[in-house]
Amino acid sequence: MTYEAIRVPIWETQWRCVELRKDNVRLHYGRFYLAPLFLDQADLIGSSMRKALLTELEGTCITYVKLMDVAHQYSIISGVKEPVYDLVMNLKKVVLRNNQRIDNSPNIFKGRLSVKGPAILTAKDILFSDSAIEVVDNNQYIATVTESVRLTIDLIVERKTKSERGKLRTFQEGSYPVGDTFSPVLNMNYSTHYYSRDKKYDTHSSIKDDNPYIRDNQKKEVLFLEIWTNGSLTPVEALDRTCQKLAKLFTAPLRMNEKDNQFTNKDHFVVLSSLTCRTRWERIRHESTKVATQSIFIDQFEFTPKIYNGLKKAGINKLYDVLNHSYEDLMKIEFLGLDDVKKITSTIADFLEVDSD
């Protein structure tokens, strides 16, 4: 059996870095540990950190692509090697870093690609309206212009967290949604380990044994985190910002007396409701009238193979076709159940940025 020996702080709980690695410009890895912790604290902190790392960090990515005189996403542009679909998918892979840390800074930016062929188009050819936006991998391939024609692509770039939902925007002709891979964290694992004081390795023998942190045979825990990022943030930056967010959330003031609970101009009343899946679906169908659903194929959604194949067998190929089905119609599709319809509802709501809750 292999054992790992680490240096654990005696008094103050601290984060420490075990390993940092840069596999390539779009894949960074970091391994950290938090210690000392009392029993059951490591799992509590680890589960909170996992959720926050994957959903609460802001990311910047291309969300819309606009191409003029293009009928649909599977069209071919004259003089361009790639079809529109492949070009859009290549733009989706472009990783962006936003160097702005101001809370009230704008969250929507513009970008443009304009090149005259013959030429090979890469991420370094993208020009942004804000100098704070930069490309992580300048060599990221986008397309090849094979003839002496000019290819111009307008881009919409947004900054927000994975859990945020923005306002619904109208799809203009020639505009295609790219997707919303906002999270800079690709993956995260955590594990907990027990330890107790071992005098064999104790170099602090002069410290009194009545200190609760170094009492003999008292079990403590260590929390290990592994973080993989896409290069827009390093693992150290991701961990630091997540800790700041959680600390700010947990240190929010608690109102305890009647005077503090009085209504002020900083408060507002909200109505809480619990909508059924049927109601949410009908709301999505109503809101989708503002969107050019004819040009959006179901291939763009990250449906499970079961849902994708079920929709295909039912002759549903576009978002327009899905939205023409009522909740009851979806429930009648072969092999699809209630959980599948809920998944379709939530996926399309996120895609169209419809608040279905």
Protein backbone atom coordinates (compact mmCIF):
# COMPACT_ATOMS: atom_id res chain seq x y z
CA MET A 1 0.00 0.00 0.00
CA THR A 2 1.29 3.46 -0.94
CA TYR A 3 1.07 6.30 1.58
CA GLU A 4 1.39 10.02 0.91
CA ALA A 5 3.07 12.22 3.51
CA ILE A 6 2.05 15.88 3.59
CA ARG A 7 2.81 18.83 5.87
CA VAL A 8 -0.35 19.70 7.81
CA PRO A 9 -0.71 23.04 9.64
CA ILE A 10 -1.03 22.69 13.40
CA TRP A 11 -3.33 25.58 14.39
CA GLU A 12 -4.85 27.49 11.48
CA THR A 13 -6.81 25.74 8.74
CA GLN A 14 -5.09 26.52 5.43
CA TRP A 15 -5.23 25.72 1.74
CA ARG A 16 -1.98 24.38 0.32
CA CYS A 17 -1.01 23.43 -3.22
CA VAL A 18 0.34 19.96 -3.95
CA GLU A 19 0.69 20.09 -7.72
CA LEU A 20 0.18 22.51 -10.62
CA ARG A 21 0.42 21.32 -14.20
CA LYS A 22 -0.21 22.84 -17.63
CA ASP A 23 -0.91 20.03 -20.09
CA ASN A 24 -1.65 22.54 -22.86
CA VAL A 25 -3.00 26.07 -23.17
CA ARG A 26 -6.57 24.80 -22.83
CA LEU A 27 -6.04 22.28 -20.06
CA HIS A 28 -4.66 23.26 -16.64
CA TYR A 29 -4.57 20.99 -13.60
CA GLY A 30 -4.18 21.75 -9.92
CA ARG A 31 -4.28 19.66 -6.75
CA PHE A 32 -4.83 21.28 -3.35
CA TYR A 33 -5.60 20.28 0.22
CA LEU A 34 -7.30 21.95 3.18
CA ALA A 35 -6.26 21.02 6.71
CA PRO A 36 -6.66 20.55 9.61
CA LEU A 37 -10.40 19.80 9.72
CA PHE A 38 -12.52 18.12 12.36
CA LEU A 39 -14.49 14.96 11.56
CA ASP A 40 -17.21 15.35 8.86
CA GLN A 41 -16.08 18.88 7.93
CA ALA A 42 -14.16 17.76 4.83
CA ASP A 43 -17.17 16.24 3.08
CA LEU A 44 -19.34 19.25 3.93
CA ILE A 45 -16.81 21.70 2.50
CA GLY A 46 -15.94 19.46 -0.45
CA SER A 47 -19.54 19.14 -1.69
CA SER A 48 -20.06 22.92 -1.42
CA MET A 49 -16.80 23.63 -3.25
CA ARG A 50 -17.68 21.23 -6.04
CA LYS A 51 -21.04 22.89 -6.70
CA ALA A 52 -19.56 26.38 -6.54
CA LEU A 53 -16.56 25.59 -8.74
CA LEU A 54 -18.71 24.08 -11.49
CA THR A 55 -21.56 26.61 -11.53
CA GLU A 56 -20.69 29.88 -9.75
CA LEU A 57 -17.55 31.06 -11.53
CA GLU A 58 -17.97 33.61 -14.31
CA GLY A 59 -16.79 32.66 -17.76
CA THR A 60 -16.67 34.44 -21.11
CA CYS A 61 -17.55 32.73 -24.37
CA ILE A 62 -19.00 33.26 -27.83
CA THR A 63 -22.77 32.79 -27.71
CA TYR A 64 -24.00 33.94 -31.15
CA VAL A 65 -22.55 33.89 -34.65
CA LYS A 66 -23.96 36.02 -37.46
CA LEU A 67 -23.38 35.16 -41.12
CA MET A 68 -25.06 37.07 -43.92
CA ASP A 69 -26.79 35.37 -46.85
CA VAL A 70 -26.78 31.94 -45.19
CA ALA A 71 -30.03 29.99 -45.43
CA HIS A 72 -29.49 27.62 -42.51
CA GLN A 73 -26.79 26.10 -40.33
CA TYR A 74 -26.05 23.27 -42.72
CA SER A 75 -25.42 25.55 -45.71
CA ILE A 76 -22.15 25.78 -47.61
CA ILE A 77 -20.45 29.15 -47.99
CA SER A 78 -18.91 29.63 -51.40
CA GLY A 79 -15.11 29.64 -51.17
CA VAL A 80 -15.03 28.27 -47.60
CA LYS A 81 -13.93 24.71 -46.94
CA GLU A 82 -16.10 24.10 -43.87
CA PRO A 83 -19.91 24.09 -43.87
CA VAL A 84 -21.57 26.59 -41.55
CA TYR A 85 -22.22 23.94 -38.89
CA ASP A 86 -18.53 23.01 -38.59
CA LEU A 87 -17.53 26.67 -38.57
CA VAL A 88 -19.94 27.38 -35.70
CA MET A 89 -18.72 24.34 -33.76
CA ASN A 90 -15.10 25.51 -34.19
CA LEU A 91 -16.04 28.92 -32.80
CA LYS A 92 -17.70 27.21 -29.84
CA LYS A 93 -14.31 25.68 -28.92
CA VAL A 94 -12.62 29.08 -28.72
CA VAL A 95 -11.68 29.79 -25.08
CA LEU A 96 -11.72 33.43 -23.98
CA ARG A 97 -10.25 35.13 -20.94
CA ASN A 98 -11.77 38.30 -19.51
CA ASN A 99 -9.31 40.39 -17.53
CA GLN A 100 -12.00 42.68 -16.07
CA ARG A 101 -12.73 42.16 -12.38
CA ILE A 102 -15.09 45.13 -11.89
CA ASP A 103 -18.57 44.05 -10.77
CA ASN A 104 -20.47 46.68 -12.80
CA SER A 105 -18.51 46.14 -16.02
CA PRO A 106 -20.51 45.20 -19.16
CA ASN A 107 -21.38 41.54 -19.68
CA ILE A 108 -22.05 41.61 -23.44
CA PHE A 109 -19.35 42.32 -26.01
CA LYS A 110 -18.98 42.18 -29.78
CA GLY A 111 -16.40 40.52 -31.93
CA ARG A 112 -15.65 40.23 -35.63
CA LEU A 113 -13.74 37.98 -37.99
CA SER A 114 -12.98 39.43 -41.39
CA VAL A 115 -10.45 37.91 -43.77
CA LYS A 116 -9.95 37.73 -47.53
CA GLY A 117 -8.86 34.41 -48.96
CA PRO A 118 -7.14 32.32 -49.64
CA ALA A 119 -6.28 32.11 -45.94
CA ILE A 120 -6.49 29.94 -42.84
CA LEU A 121 -8.65 31.50 -40.16
CA THR A 122 -7.61 30.99 -36.51
CA ALA A 123 -8.68 32.46 -33.17
CA LYS A 124 -5.98 35.13 -33.29
CA ASP A 125 -7.87 36.78 -36.18
CA ILE A 126 -10.82 37.65 -33.91
CA LEU A 127 -11.11 41.32 -32.99
CA PHE A 128 -13.13 42.26 -29.90
CA SER A 129 -14.86 45.52 -28.94
CA ASP A 130 -13.19 45.39 -25.52
CA SER A 131 -9.44 45.08 -25.09
CA ALA A 132 -9.95 43.12 -21.84
CA ILE A 133 -11.10 40.10 -23.85
CA GLU A 134 -8.30 37.89 -25.09
CA VAL A 135 -8.05 34.50 -26.77
CA VAL A 136 -6.41 31.72 -24.73
CA ASP A 137 -5.26 29.66 -27.73
CA ASN A 138 -4.35 31.84 -30.71
CA ASN A 139 -3.77 28.76 -32.87
CA GLN A 140 -7.31 27.43 -32.44
CA TYR A 141 -8.46 26.51 -35.96
CA ILE A 142 -11.72 28.01 -37.24
CA ALA A 143 -11.95 27.70 -41.03
CA THR A 144 -10.11 27.74 -44.36
CA VAL A 145 -11.00 30.23 -47.10
CA THR A 146 -9.96 28.53 -50.33
CA GLU A 147 -10.85 31.24 -52.85
CA SER A 148 -10.35 34.97 -53.24
CA VAL A 149 -13.50 35.90 -51.31
CA ARG A 150 -14.01 37.85 -48.10
CA LEU A 151 -15.46 36.01 -45.13
CA THR A 152 -16.98 38.23 -42.43
CA ILE A 153 -18.41 36.84 -39.21
CA ASP A 154 -19.95 38.94 -36.46
CA LEU A 155 -19.88 37.54 -32.92
CA ILE A 156 -21.70 38.15 -29.67
CA VAL A 157 -19.61 37.42 -26.58
CA GLU A 158 -21.14 37.16 -23.11
CA ARG A 159 -19.81 36.89 -19.60
CA LYS A 160 -21.82 35.17 -16.87
CA THR A 161 -21.95 32.07 -14.72
CA LYS A 162 -23.28 28.70 -15.77
CA SER A 163 -26.20 29.05 -13.38
CA GLU A 164 -27.29 32.49 -14.62
CA ARG A 165 -30.06 33.04 -17.13
CA GLY A 166 -30.07 36.14 -19.26
CA LYS A 167 -32.89 37.91 -21.00
CA LEU A 168 -34.37 36.43 -24.15
CA ARG A 169 -32.86 37.94 -27.28
CA THR A 170 -34.40 37.82 -30.69
CA PHE A 171 -32.62 35.63 -33.23
CA GLN A 172 -32.00 37.73 -36.33
CA GLU A 173 -31.72 36.26 -39.78
CA GLY A 174 -28.33 34.65 -40.27
CA SER A 175 -27.67 34.44 -36.50
CA TYR A 176 -26.89 31.09 -34.92
CA PRO A 177 -26.58 30.28 -31.23
CA VAL A 178 -23.27 28.69 -30.36
CA GLY A 179 -24.07 27.45 -26.87
CA ASP A 180 -23.13 28.56 -23.39
CA THR A 181 -20.07 26.80 -22.02
CA PHE A 182 -19.40 29.55 -19.49
CA SER A 183 -17.80 27.55 -16.71
CA PRO A 184 -13.97 27.83 -16.79
CA VAL A 185 -13.79 24.63 -14.70
CA LEU A 186 -13.86 21.50 -16.85
CA ASN A 187 -13.94 19.03 -13.98
CA MET A 188 -13.44 18.82 -10.24
CA ASN A 189 -12.90 15.94 -7.82
CA TYR A 190 -12.58 15.92 -4.07
CA SER A 191 -11.64 13.29 -1.53
CA THR A 192 -11.40 13.14 2.26
CA HIS A 193 -8.70 11.48 4.34
CA TYR A 194 -8.28 10.83 8.06
CA TYR A 195 -5.12 11.28 10.08
CA SER A 196 -3.99 11.47 13.69
CA ARG A 197 -0.83 12.79 15.30
CA ASP A 198 2.16 10.53 14.80
CA LYS A 199 5.06 11.36 17.12
CA LYS A 200 7.39 9.56 14.74
CA TYR A 201 6.98 12.43 12.24
CA ASP A 202 6.22 15.20 14.76
CA THR A 203 8.88 17.90 14.54
CA HIS A 204 7.05 20.15 17.03
CA SER A 205 7.78 18.17 20.19
CA SER A 206 8.33 21.36 22.17
CA ILE A 207 4.68 22.37 21.77
CA LYS A 208 2.49 21.53 24.74
CA ASP A 209 0.40 18.39 24.30
CA ASP A 210 -2.71 20.09 25.72
CA ASN A 211 -3.13 21.93 22.42
CA PRO A 212 -6.39 20.48 20.90
CA TYR A 213 -4.90 20.45 17.40
CA ILE A 214 -2.11 18.06 18.25
CA ARG A 215 -3.65 15.87 20.93
CA ASP A 216 -2.55 12.24 20.65
CA ASN A 217 -4.92 9.90 18.79
CA GLN A 218 -7.35 12.68 17.92
CA LYS A 219 -8.57 12.04 14.42
CA LYS A 220 -8.64 14.92 11.96
CA GLU A 221 -9.51 15.19 8.27
CA VAL A 222 -7.83 16.52 5.17
CA LEU A 223 -9.80 17.65 2.12
CA PHE A 224 -8.12 17.17 -1.27
CA LEU A 225 -9.36 19.01 -4.37
CA GLU A 226 -8.42 18.33 -7.99
CA ILE A 227 -9.35 21.08 -10.45
CA TRP A 228 -9.13 21.05 -14.25
CA THR A 229 -9.68 24.37 -16.08
CA ASN A 230 -9.85 25.41 -19.74
CA GLY A 231 -7.12 28.04 -19.43
CA SER A 232 -9.39 31.07 -19.03
CA LEU A 233 -8.64 30.72 -15.33
CA THR A 234 -5.82 28.82 -13.69
CA PRO A 235 -6.75 26.30 -10.96
CA VAL A 236 -5.31 28.69 -8.36
CA GLU A 237 -7.51 31.55 -9.62
CA ALA A 238 -10.56 29.27 -9.74
CA LEU A 239 -10.05 28.12 -6.16
CA ASP A 240 -9.36 31.65 -4.89
CA ARG A 241 -12.47 33.17 -6.52
CA THR A 242 -14.68 30.32 -5.35
CA CYS A 243 -13.51 30.73 -1.75
CA GLN A 244 -14.19 34.48 -1.97
CA LYS A 245 -17.71 33.87 -3.30
CA LEU A 246 -18.57 31.36 -0.59
CA ALA A 247 -17.06 33.53 2.15
CA LYS A 248 -19.12 36.52 0.97
CA LEU A 249 -22.27 34.39 0.90
CA PHE A 250 -21.81 32.85 4.35
CA THR A 251 -20.87 36.16 5.99
CA ALA A 252 -24.07 37.92 4.89
CA PRO A 253 -25.63 39.84 7.80
CA LEU A 254 -28.37 38.10 9.81
CA ARG A 255 -31.37 40.24 10.79
CA MET A 256 -32.42 39.40 14.31
CA ASN A 257 -34.45 42.30 15.72
CA GLU A 258 -37.79 43.80 14.72
CA LYS A 259 -36.27 47.11 13.60
CA ASP A 260 -34.01 45.39 11.08
CA ASN A 261 -36.96 43.43 9.67
CA GLN A 262 -38.92 46.54 8.71
CA PHE A 263 -39.59 47.00 5.00
CA THR A 264 -37.24 49.48 3.28
CA ASN A 265 -36.70 50.75 -0.25
CA LYS A 266 -33.95 48.16 -0.55
CA ASP A 267 -36.47 45.32 -0.19
CA HIS A 268 -39.19 44.01 -2.46
CA PHE A 269 -41.86 41.33 -2.21
CA VAL A 270 -41.72 38.25 -4.40
CA VAL A 271 -44.37 35.63 -5.14
CA LEU A 272 -43.20 32.03 -4.93
CA SER A 273 -44.89 29.54 -7.20
CA SER A 274 -44.41 25.92 -8.07
CA LEU A 275 -45.15 25.28 -11.75
CA THR A 276 -45.90 21.88 -13.17
CA CYS A 277 -43.92 20.52 -16.12
CA ARG A 278 -46.95 21.08 -18.35
CA THR A 279 -47.19 24.76 -17.35
CA ARG A 280 -43.47 25.32 -17.87
CA TRP A 281 -43.64 23.74 -21.34
CA GLU A 282 -46.56 25.92 -22.40
CA ARG A 283 -44.71 29.02 -21.18
CA ILE A 284 -41.69 28.04 -23.30
CA ARG A 285 -43.93 27.52 -26.35
CA HIS A 286 -45.44 30.98 -25.85
CA GLU A 287 -42.08 32.74 -25.40
CA SER A 288 -40.51 30.94 -28.38
CA THR A 289 -42.64 32.91 -30.86
CA LYS A 290 -39.86 35.55 -30.70
CA VAL A 291 -37.24 33.11 -31.92
CA ALA A 292 -36.41 31.86 -35.43
CA THR A 293 -36.95 28.22 -34.48
CA GLN A 294 -36.96 27.01 -38.10
CA SER A 295 -33.19 27.40 -38.34
CA ILE A 296 -32.35 25.55 -35.10
CA PHE A 297 -31.85 21.78 -35.29
CA ILE A 298 -32.18 19.42 -32.34
CA ASP A 299 -28.57 18.35 -32.96
CA GLN A 300 -27.54 21.56 -31.23
CA PHE A 301 -29.00 20.40 -27.91
CA GLU A 302 -27.13 18.11 -25.57
CA PHE A 303 -29.95 15.59 -25.38
CA THR A 304 -29.32 12.05 -24.18
CA PRO A 305 -29.22 9.38 -26.92
CA LYS A 306 -32.60 8.13 -25.70
CA ILE A 307 -34.27 11.52 -26.11
CA TYR A 308 -32.49 12.32 -29.38
CA ASN A 309 -33.42 8.99 -31.00
CA GLY A 310 -36.98 9.23 -29.71
CA LEU A 311 -37.46 12.67 -31.25
CA LYS A 312 -35.88 11.56 -34.53
CA LYS A 313 -38.16 8.52 -34.76
CA ALA A 314 -41.13 10.84 -34.22
CA GLY A 315 -40.02 12.94 -37.21
CA ILE A 316 -38.86 15.85 -35.06
CA ASN A 317 -35.72 17.41 -36.55
CA LYS A 318 -35.90 21.10 -35.61
CA LEU A 319 -36.75 23.16 -32.57
CA TYR A 320 -39.80 24.35 -34.51
CA ASP A 321 -41.05 20.76 -34.66
CA VAL A 322 -40.56 20.22 -30.94
CA LEU A 323 -42.43 23.37 -30.01
CA ASN A 324 -45.35 22.40 -32.24
CA HIS A 325 -45.95 19.47 -29.88
CA SER A 326 -48.00 20.00 -26.75
CA TYR A 327 -47.02 18.48 -23.42
CA GLU A 328 -49.44 15.63 -24.05
CA ASP A 329 -47.94 15.03 -27.51
CA LEU A 330 -44.44 14.75 -26.05
CA MET A 331 -45.65 12.27 -23.44
CA LYS A 332 -47.05 10.09 -26.23
CA ILE A 333 -43.71 9.77 -28.07
CA GLU A 334 -42.48 6.20 -27.95
CA PHE A 335 -39.78 5.41 -25.36
CA LEU A 336 -40.04 8.89 -23.75
CA GLY A 337 -41.23 9.21 -20.14
CA LEU A 338 -41.89 12.01 -17.68
CA ASP A 339 -38.20 12.42 -16.79
CA ASP A 340 -37.32 12.72 -20.48
CA VAL A 341 -39.97 15.40 -21.06
CA LYS A 342 -38.67 17.29 -18.00
CA LYS A 343 -35.17 17.11 -19.48
CA ILE A 344 -36.42 18.43 -22.85
CA THR A 345 -38.22 21.27 -21.05
CA SER A 346 -35.23 22.35 -18.96
CA THR A 347 -32.75 22.02 -21.86
CA ILE A 348 -34.81 24.15 -24.26
CA ALA A 349 -35.57 26.67 -21.50
CA ASP A 350 -31.83 27.09 -20.88
CA PHE A 351 -31.11 27.28 -24.62
CA LEU A 352 -33.73 29.97 -25.26
CA GLU A 353 -33.01 31.65 -21.91
CA VAL A 354 -36.67 31.42 -20.92
CA ASP A 355 -37.41 31.71 -17.22
CA SER A 356 -39.68 28.68 -16.89
CA ASP A 357 -39.65 28.51 -13.08
